[in-house]
C-alpha cells in the first residue's frame, strides 16, 4: 500500500468550514482503500496567520508543504487584512512561485442537466480544461509595480523556458484526455498576438511545441474572441492554454458557465509539486453561518486524487476521484442538497451529508 502525506492549509473565512468535511471524506475513502493511505497535516498560513504571527506563509509551513506528496489548500485572504502596501494577502500565489507551479488547471465541466445559465443544445455537454500559466505574465511584478506621479506601470514577462514547459504540459494533457475519451485531442493557444510582441513570442513557442505533437490538433484564438466563444459554443473546446492574467479572467468566466465559483475546482501544478484549491474566495460575509458551499473544495480534492493516481500509477485513486465527481454531479443534476449560492437552501453539513450518503451508503 502506498502512503501519501497531504499538507493542509485550512485558510480564512469559510476555508476551515469546507476543508474539514473534505478531509473527513478523504480520510474515510482512504480507510477503505486497498492500495493507498492518506495522512494529513494542518499548517498555518493565510490572513489570520499574518495577524497572529506576522507572516502569511511561515517558512516552517513552506518546508513541510514542500516535503508533502500534495498540498490541499482552502480559500485564503481577507479583505480587511492587507500588507503595508495595501495589497491583499495571497500565500496561494507565494506557493506557486516557491514551487514553480507554472500550470494552473481550471476544468470546465457542464454535464447534461447541470447548473449552467446557458441554454445547451440537445445532446451537447461541456468538458474542457483551461491551462493558465501561473508564475509570470502580467502577474510578474505583483506587489512591485511602480507608481510615479501621474503614471503607473506593471511589467508583463513571458519566458521561453516557462512557456515551453506550459505548452508541453498542455499537449500531454490533451493526449491523455483523448486516450481516456474525454477530449478531441485539440489545444488552442489563447493570446493577443495581433497587438503585443510578447504574445507573438508566446505563440511562436506554442507553434514549435505543436510541431512536436503531430497527433494533436493545434490552433489559436485571440482572448477577446475566446471570451465570446466560451459563451456561444463552449462544447467546441478541449484544452485552452494561455497567459496568467488572461487565464485568471477566463477561468472565472468558465466558473460562471458551470453555475458559479461554488462548483469550480482548480489545481496549480509544477514538475515536482501541486496545490489543489477551490477557485472561490474566503467569503467572510458568510463565515461561521454554516451555509458555505463545499462542492468546489471536494472537486479540488478529486483533482488531487487524480494527480496522485496518475503520478504513482494508482488506478484506485483515479476511481475514487471519479466517485467524488459523480457524487457532486448527482446532487447538482438531481437538484438535491444545493447551497444558497447555487439556488438551493441546504446548509454545509446537509450538502456534505448528501455526498457522504452517495459515496458510502452501499458500503
Protein backbone atom coordinates (compact mmCIF):
# COMPACT_ATOMS: atom_id res chain seq x y z
CA UNK A 1 0.00 0.00 0.00
CA UNK A 2 1.30 3.46 -0.93
CA UNK A 3 1.27 6.12 1.79
CA UNK A 4 0.84 9.79 0.89
CA UNK A 5 1.32 12.83 3.12
CA UNK A 6 -1.01 15.75 2.38
CA UNK A 7 -0.20 19.26 3.57
CA UNK A 8 -3.40 21.11 4.50
CA UNK A 9 -3.95 24.86 4.70
CA UNK A 10 -7.43 25.48 6.14
CA UNK A 11 -7.39 29.13 5.05
CA UNK A 12 -9.52 32.06 6.11
CA UNK A 13 -13.21 32.92 6.27
CA UNK A 14 -15.20 29.90 5.15
CA UNK A 15 -11.98 27.99 4.48
CA UNK A 16 -12.00 25.78 7.60
CA UNK A 17 -15.74 25.09 7.17
CA UNK A 18 -15.23 23.48 3.76
CA UNK A 19 -11.81 21.95 4.39
CA UNK A 20 -12.73 19.83 7.42
CA UNK A 21 -15.58 17.89 5.76
CA UNK A 22 -13.47 17.43 2.63
CA UNK A 23 -10.61 15.94 4.63
CA UNK A 24 -13.12 13.79 6.52
CA UNK A 25 -14.40 12.38 3.21
CA UNK A 26 -10.86 11.71 2.02
CA UNK A 27 -9.95 10.02 5.31
CA UNK A 28 -12.96 7.75 5.04
CA UNK A 29 -12.17 6.85 1.44
CA UNK A 30 -8.56 6.20 2.40
CA UNK A 31 -9.59 3.99 5.33
CA UNK A 32 -11.28 1.51 3.00
CA UNK A 33 -8.81 1.81 0.11
CA UNK A 34 -6.70 -1.24 -0.64
CA UNK A 35 -3.80 0.44 -2.45
CA UNK A 36 -3.29 3.85 -0.82
CA UNK A 37 -3.32 5.59 2.53
CA UNK A 38 -3.61 9.33 3.16
CA UNK A 39 -2.35 11.26 6.19
CA UNK A 40 -2.94 14.97 6.71
CA UNK A 41 -1.02 17.74 8.46
CA UNK A 42 -2.61 21.14 9.09
CA UNK A 43 -0.25 24.06 8.54
CA UNK A 44 -0.56 27.74 9.47
CA UNK A 45 -0.94 30.21 6.64
CA UNK A 46 -3.22 32.97 5.39
CA UNK A 47 -4.55 36.31 6.58
CA UNK A 48 -5.33 35.06 10.09
CA UNK A 49 -1.82 33.68 10.34
CA UNK A 50 -0.44 37.06 9.25
CA UNK A 51 -2.38 38.75 12.04
CA UNK A 52 -1.23 36.24 14.66
CA UNK A 53 2.37 35.60 13.55
CA UNK A 54 3.32 38.47 11.27
CA UNK A 55 3.76 36.04 8.36
CA UNK A 56 1.19 34.85 5.84
CA UNK A 57 3.25 31.80 4.87
CA UNK A 58 5.75 30.83 7.59
CA UNK A 59 8.98 29.20 6.47
CA UNK A 60 8.17 26.12 8.54
CA UNK A 61 4.84 25.71 6.72
CA UNK A 62 6.56 26.10 3.36
CA UNK A 63 9.14 23.46 4.28
CA UNK A 64 6.52 20.91 5.37
CA UNK A 65 4.42 21.61 2.28
CA UNK A 66 7.45 21.13 0.06
CA UNK A 67 8.11 17.71 1.57
CA UNK A 68 4.48 16.57 1.23
CA UNK A 69 3.14 14.50 -1.65
CA UNK A 70 0.44 17.10 -2.38
CA UNK A 71 -0.94 20.33 -0.96
CA UNK A 72 -4.63 20.84 -0.26
CA UNK A 73 -5.49 24.49 0.22
CA UNK A 74 -8.76 26.19 1.05
CA UNK A 75 -9.77 29.80 0.42
CA UNK A 76 -7.20 32.33 1.68
CA UNK A 77 -7.17 36.04 2.36
CA UNK A 78 -9.49 38.59 3.99
CA UNK A 79 -10.31 41.98 2.50
CA UNK A 80 -9.61 43.92 5.69
CA UNK A 81 -6.21 42.31 6.36
CA UNK A 82 -3.56 43.56 3.95
CA UNK A 83 0.17 44.09 3.61
CA UNK A 84 1.50 47.59 4.39
CA UNK A 85 1.47 48.46 0.66
CA UNK A 86 -2.29 47.83 0.50
CA UNK A 87 -2.18 44.58 -1.47
CA UNK A 88 -4.11 41.50 -0.35
CA UNK A 89 -2.53 38.59 1.43
CA UNK A 90 -2.15 35.79 -1.13
CA UNK A 91 0.01 32.91 0.13
CA UNK A 92 -1.53 30.76 -2.59
CA UNK A 93 0.43 32.84 -5.12
CA UNK A 94 3.54 32.60 -2.93
CA UNK A 95 3.23 28.81 -3.09
CA UNK A 96 3.06 28.95 -6.89
CA UNK A 97 6.25 30.96 -7.03
CA UNK A 98 8.09 28.93 -4.38
CA UNK A 99 7.42 25.60 -6.08
CA UNK A 100 7.33 26.82 -9.71
CA UNK A 101 3.71 25.75 -10.19
CA UNK A 102 3.59 27.00 -13.76
CA UNK A 103 0.41 25.22 -14.91
CA UNK A 104 -2.86 26.44 -13.43
CA UNK A 105 -5.58 23.91 -14.25
CA UNK A 106 -9.19 25.09 -14.38
CA UNK A 107 -11.58 22.37 -15.62
CA UNK A 108 -14.92 23.48 -17.03
CA UNK A 109 -17.48 20.66 -16.93
CA UNK A 110 -21.20 21.00 -17.57
CA UNK A 111 -22.91 17.60 -17.57
CA UNK A 112 -26.38 17.28 -19.09
CA UNK A 113 -28.76 18.76 -16.54
CA UNK A 114 -26.04 20.89 -14.93
CA UNK A 115 -26.41 24.35 -13.47
CA UNK A 116 -25.24 26.37 -16.46
CA UNK A 117 -27.10 29.58 -17.29
CA UNK A 118 -26.56 28.69 -20.94
CA UNK A 119 -29.28 27.07 -23.00
CA UNK A 120 -27.48 23.92 -24.02
CA UNK A 121 -28.41 22.40 -27.38
CA UNK A 122 -29.76 18.87 -27.21
CA UNK A 123 -27.01 16.31 -26.98
CA UNK A 124 -24.31 18.85 -26.09
CA UNK A 125 -22.16 18.78 -22.97
CA UNK A 126 -19.15 20.84 -21.99
CA UNK A 127 -15.85 19.36 -20.84
CA UNK A 128 -12.75 21.45 -21.50
CA UNK A 129 -9.71 22.48 -19.46
CA UNK A 130 -8.18 25.92 -19.22
CA UNK A 131 -4.42 25.74 -18.62
CA UNK A 132 -3.21 29.05 -17.21
CA UNK A 133 0.45 29.93 -16.85
CA UNK A 134 0.66 30.78 -13.15
CA UNK A 135 4.11 32.22 -12.36
CA UNK A 136 4.77 35.12 -14.73
CA UNK A 137 2.77 37.03 -17.36
CA UNK A 138 1.16 40.23 -16.07
CA UNK A 139 1.45 38.94 -12.50
CA UNK A 140 5.25 39.06 -12.75
CA UNK A 141 5.62 42.33 -10.82
CA UNK A 142 2.86 41.64 -8.32
CA UNK A 143 3.42 43.98 -5.40
CA UNK A 144 6.41 45.55 -7.20
CA UNK A 145 4.71 47.76 -9.76
CA UNK A 146 5.81 51.39 -9.99
CA UNK A 147 3.60 54.40 -9.35
CA UNK A 148 5.31 57.70 -10.12
CA UNK A 149 3.36 60.94 -10.05
CA UNK A 150 0.67 60.55 -12.75
CA UNK A 151 1.82 57.21 -14.16
CA UNK A 152 1.68 53.58 -13.02
CA UNK A 153 3.49 50.66 -14.62
CA UNK A 154 3.44 46.88 -14.33
CA UNK A 155 5.65 44.51 -16.31
CA UNK A 156 4.43 41.62 -18.46
CA UNK A 157 7.04 38.86 -18.57
CA UNK A 158 6.93 35.77 -20.76
CA UNK A 159 9.95 33.47 -20.87
CA UNK A 160 10.82 30.71 -23.28
CA UNK A 161 11.64 28.20 -20.56
CA UNK A 162 8.35 28.54 -18.70
CA UNK A 163 6.30 28.71 -21.91
CA UNK A 164 7.89 25.53 -23.23
CA UNK A 165 7.01 23.68 -20.01
CA UNK A 166 3.49 25.10 -20.11
CA UNK A 167 2.82 24.07 -23.71
CA UNK A 168 4.34 20.63 -23.24
CA UNK A 169 2.01 20.15 -20.26
CA UNK A 170 -1.00 21.27 -22.33
CA UNK A 171 -0.26 18.91 -25.23
CA UNK A 172 0.37 15.99 -22.87
CA UNK A 173 -2.93 16.76 -21.14
CA UNK A 174 -4.77 16.77 -24.47
CA UNK A 175 -3.12 13.45 -25.35
CA UNK A 176 -4.21 11.90 -22.05
CA UNK A 177 -7.76 13.26 -22.36
CA UNK A 178 -8.08 11.89 -25.89
CA UNK A 179 -6.84 8.47 -24.76
CA UNK A 180 -9.46 8.47 -21.99
CA UNK A 181 -12.26 9.55 -24.32
CA UNK A 182 -12.65 12.94 -22.59
CA UNK A 183 -11.43 15.24 -25.35
CA UNK A 184 -10.96 15.52 -29.08
CA UNK A 185 -7.20 15.96 -28.94
CA UNK A 186 -7.02 19.70 -29.55
CA UNK A 187 -5.04 22.51 -27.92
CA UNK A 188 -5.95 26.16 -28.50
CA UNK A 189 -3.44 28.90 -27.70
CA UNK A 190 -5.30 31.95 -26.37
CA UNK A 191 -3.31 35.18 -26.73
CA UNK A 192 -3.27 38.70 -28.13
CA UNK A 193 -0.53 38.18 -30.70
CA UNK A 194 -2.02 40.72 -33.11
CA UNK A 195 -1.20 43.60 -30.72
CA UNK A 196 1.61 42.62 -28.34
CA UNK A 197 5.05 41.38 -29.36
CA UNK A 198 5.22 39.38 -26.12
CA UNK A 199 2.19 37.35 -27.20
CA UNK A 200 3.58 36.87 -30.71
CA UNK A 201 6.62 35.37 -28.95
CA UNK A 202 4.28 33.25 -26.82
CA UNK A 203 2.55 31.98 -29.97
CA UNK A 204 5.83 31.20 -31.72
CA UNK A 205 6.83 28.92 -28.85
CA UNK A 206 3.38 27.30 -28.92
CA UNK A 207 3.67 26.55 -32.64
CA UNK A 208 7.09 24.98 -32.15
CA UNK A 209 5.74 22.71 -29.40
CA UNK A 210 2.71 21.86 -31.55
CA UNK A 211 5.05 20.60 -34.25
CA UNK A 212 6.42 18.07 -31.77
CA UNK A 213 2.90 16.66 -31.16
CA UNK A 214 1.53 15.91 -34.65
CA UNK A 215 -1.25 13.67 -33.32
CA UNK A 216 -2.85 16.62 -31.52
CA UNK A 217 -4.67 19.40 -33.38
CA UNK A 218 -3.36 22.89 -32.61
CA UNK A 219 -4.92 26.27 -33.29
CA UNK A 220 -5.05 29.85 -31.96
CA UNK A 221 -7.62 32.33 -30.70
CA UNK A 222 -7.43 35.94 -29.55
CA UNK A 223 -8.52 36.29 -25.95
CA UNK A 224 -11.43 38.64 -26.69
CA UNK A 225 -12.81 36.24 -29.29
CA UNK A 226 -12.38 33.32 -26.90
CA UNK A 227 -14.43 35.12 -24.23
CA UNK A 228 -17.24 35.33 -26.79
CA UNK A 229 -16.90 31.73 -27.98
CA UNK A 230 -16.83 30.34 -24.44
CA UNK A 231 -20.37 31.67 -24.11
CA UNK A 232 -21.58 30.90 -27.63
CA UNK A 233 -20.11 27.41 -28.15
CA UNK A 234 -18.13 26.12 -25.15
CA UNK A 235 -18.72 22.50 -26.22
CA UNK A 236 -16.28 23.00 -29.13
CA UNK A 237 -13.14 23.20 -26.97
CA UNK A 238 -10.79 20.69 -25.40
CA UNK A 239 -7.64 22.26 -23.91
CA UNK A 240 -7.10 26.03 -23.84
CA UNK A 241 -3.67 27.37 -22.86
CA UNK A 242 -2.99 31.00 -22.04
CA UNK A 243 -1.06 33.66 -20.12
CA UNK A 244 -1.55 34.32 -16.41
CA UNK A 245 -3.88 37.34 -16.44
CA UNK A 246 -5.94 36.09 -19.38
CA UNK A 247 -6.30 32.76 -17.59
CA UNK A 248 -7.34 34.49 -14.38
CA UNK A 249 -10.19 36.24 -16.19
CA UNK A 250 -11.30 33.35 -18.42
CA UNK A 251 -11.33 30.90 -15.51
CA UNK A 252 -13.98 32.97 -13.74
CA UNK A 253 -15.99 33.03 -16.96
CA UNK A 254 -15.67 29.26 -17.05
CA UNK A 255 -16.91 29.07 -13.46
CA UNK A 256 -19.91 31.17 -14.45
CA UNK A 257 -20.70 28.75 -17.26
CA UNK A 258 -20.80 25.91 -14.70
CA UNK A 259 -23.14 27.76 -12.36
CA UNK A 260 -20.75 29.70 -10.15
CA UNK A 261 -17.49 29.65 -8.22
CA UNK A 262 -19.03 27.29 -5.68
CA UNK A 263 -18.63 24.41 -8.12
CA UNK A 264 -15.28 25.46 -9.64
CA UNK A 265 -12.17 23.49 -8.59
CA UNK A 266 -8.58 24.19 -9.55
CA UNK A 267 -5.00 22.97 -9.34
CA UNK A 268 -1.60 24.60 -9.73
CA UNK A 269 0.91 22.04 -10.92
CA UNK A 270 4.67 22.04 -11.40
CA UNK A 271 7.14 19.33 -12.21
CA UNK A 272 7.50 18.17 -8.59
CA UNK A 273 4.67 19.76 -6.56
CA UNK A 274 0.98 20.55 -6.86
CA UNK A 275 -1.58 22.61 -4.95
CA UNK A 276 -5.32 21.93 -5.11
CA UNK A 277 -7.87 24.56 -4.07
CA UNK A 278 -11.32 25.90 -4.94
CA UNK A 279 -11.47 28.93 -7.25
CA UNK A 280 -13.66 30.95 -4.90
CA UNK A 281 -12.58 33.32 -2.16
CA UNK A 282 -12.89 33.21 1.60
CA UNK A 283 -16.40 34.81 1.70
CA UNK A 284 -16.03 36.40 5.15
CA UNK A 285 -19.61 37.71 4.96
CA UNK A 286 -20.94 34.17 5.46
CA UNK A 287 -18.12 32.72 7.56
CA UNK A 288 -19.41 30.90 10.61
CA UNK A 289 -23.01 30.74 9.37
CA UNK A 290 -22.78 27.12 8.20
CA UNK A 291 -24.03 27.86 4.69
CA UNK A 292 -20.79 27.68 2.64
CA UNK A 293 -20.76 25.51 -0.47
CA UNK A 294 -18.31 22.57 -0.06
CA UNK A 295 -18.56 21.31 -3.64
CA UNK A 296 -15.60 23.20 -5.16
CA UNK A 297 -13.36 22.08 -2.31
CA UNK A 298 -14.46 18.46 -2.74
CA UNK A 299 -13.92 18.65 -6.51
CA UNK A 300 -10.44 20.08 -5.92
CA UNK A 301 -9.71 17.09 -3.69
CA UNK A 302 -10.84 14.85 -6.55
CA UNK A 303 -8.30 16.58 -8.78
CA UNK A 304 -5.65 15.83 -6.15
CA UNK A 305 -6.54 12.13 -6.19
CA UNK A 306 -6.38 12.15 -9.99
CA UNK A 307 -2.94 13.77 -9.99
CA UNK A 308 -1.52 11.43 -7.34
CA UNK A 309 -3.05 8.42 -9.06
CA UNK A 310 -1.55 9.33 -12.43
CA UNK A 311 1.82 10.23 -10.91
CA UNK A 312 2.06 6.98 -8.95
CA UNK A 313 0.17 4.69 -11.33
CA UNK A 314 -2.58 4.06 -8.78
CA UNK A 315 -5.85 3.29 -10.53
CA UNK A 316 -7.83 3.09 -7.27
CA UNK A 317 -7.11 6.76 -6.58
CA UNK A 318 -8.38 7.69 -10.03
CA UNK A 319 -11.54 5.67 -9.42
CA UNK A 320 -12.11 7.39 -6.08
CA UNK A 321 -11.62 10.77 -7.78
CA UNK A 322 -14.33 9.82 -10.27
CA UNK A 323 -16.59 8.75 -7.38
CA UNK A 324 -16.24 12.17 -5.75
CA UNK A 325 -17.12 13.94 -9.01
CA UNK A 326 -20.08 11.64 -9.59
CA UNK A 327 -21.36 12.31 -6.06
CA UNK A 328 -21.24 16.07 -6.65
CA UNK A 329 -22.75 15.73 -10.13
CA UNK A 330 -25.58 13.65 -8.67
CA UNK A 331 -26.52 16.39 -6.22
CA UNK A 332 -26.36 19.07 -8.92
CA UNK A 333 -28.25 17.18 -11.63
CA UNK A 334 -30.88 15.99 -9.16
CA UNK A 335 -31.06 19.48 -7.57
CA UNK A 336 -30.51 17.89 -4.17
CA UNK A 337 -28.80 19.44 -1.15
CA UNK A 338 -27.70 22.56 -3.01
CA UNK A 339 -26.45 25.53 -1.01
CA UNK A 340 -27.85 29.03 -1.46
CA UNK A 341 -25.17 30.26 -3.89
CA UNK A 342 -26.33 27.73 -6.49
CA UNK A 343 -30.07 28.01 -5.98
CA UNK A 344 -30.76 25.72 -3.03
CA UNK A 345 -31.44 26.01 0.67
CA UNK A 346 -29.10 23.35 2.10
CA UNK A 347 -26.60 24.10 4.80
CA UNK A 348 -22.98 22.99 4.53
CA UNK A 349 -23.49 19.96 6.77
CA UNK A 350 -26.56 18.90 4.76
CA UNK A 351 -24.65 19.12 1.48
CA UNK A 352 -21.81 17.08 2.97
CA UNK A 353 -24.23 14.51 4.40
CA UNK A 354 -25.76 14.05 0.95
CA UNK A 355 -22.31 13.46 -0.55
CA UNK A 356 -21.45 11.04 2.24
CA UNK A 357 -24.63 9.04 1.61
CA UNK A 358 -23.91 8.94 -2.12
CA UNK A 359 -20.36 7.74 -1.56
CA UNK A 360 -20.81 5.28 1.31
CA UNK A 361 -24.49 4.29 1.60
CA UNK A 362 -23.85 0.97 -0.12
CA UNK A 363 -20.64 0.31 1.79
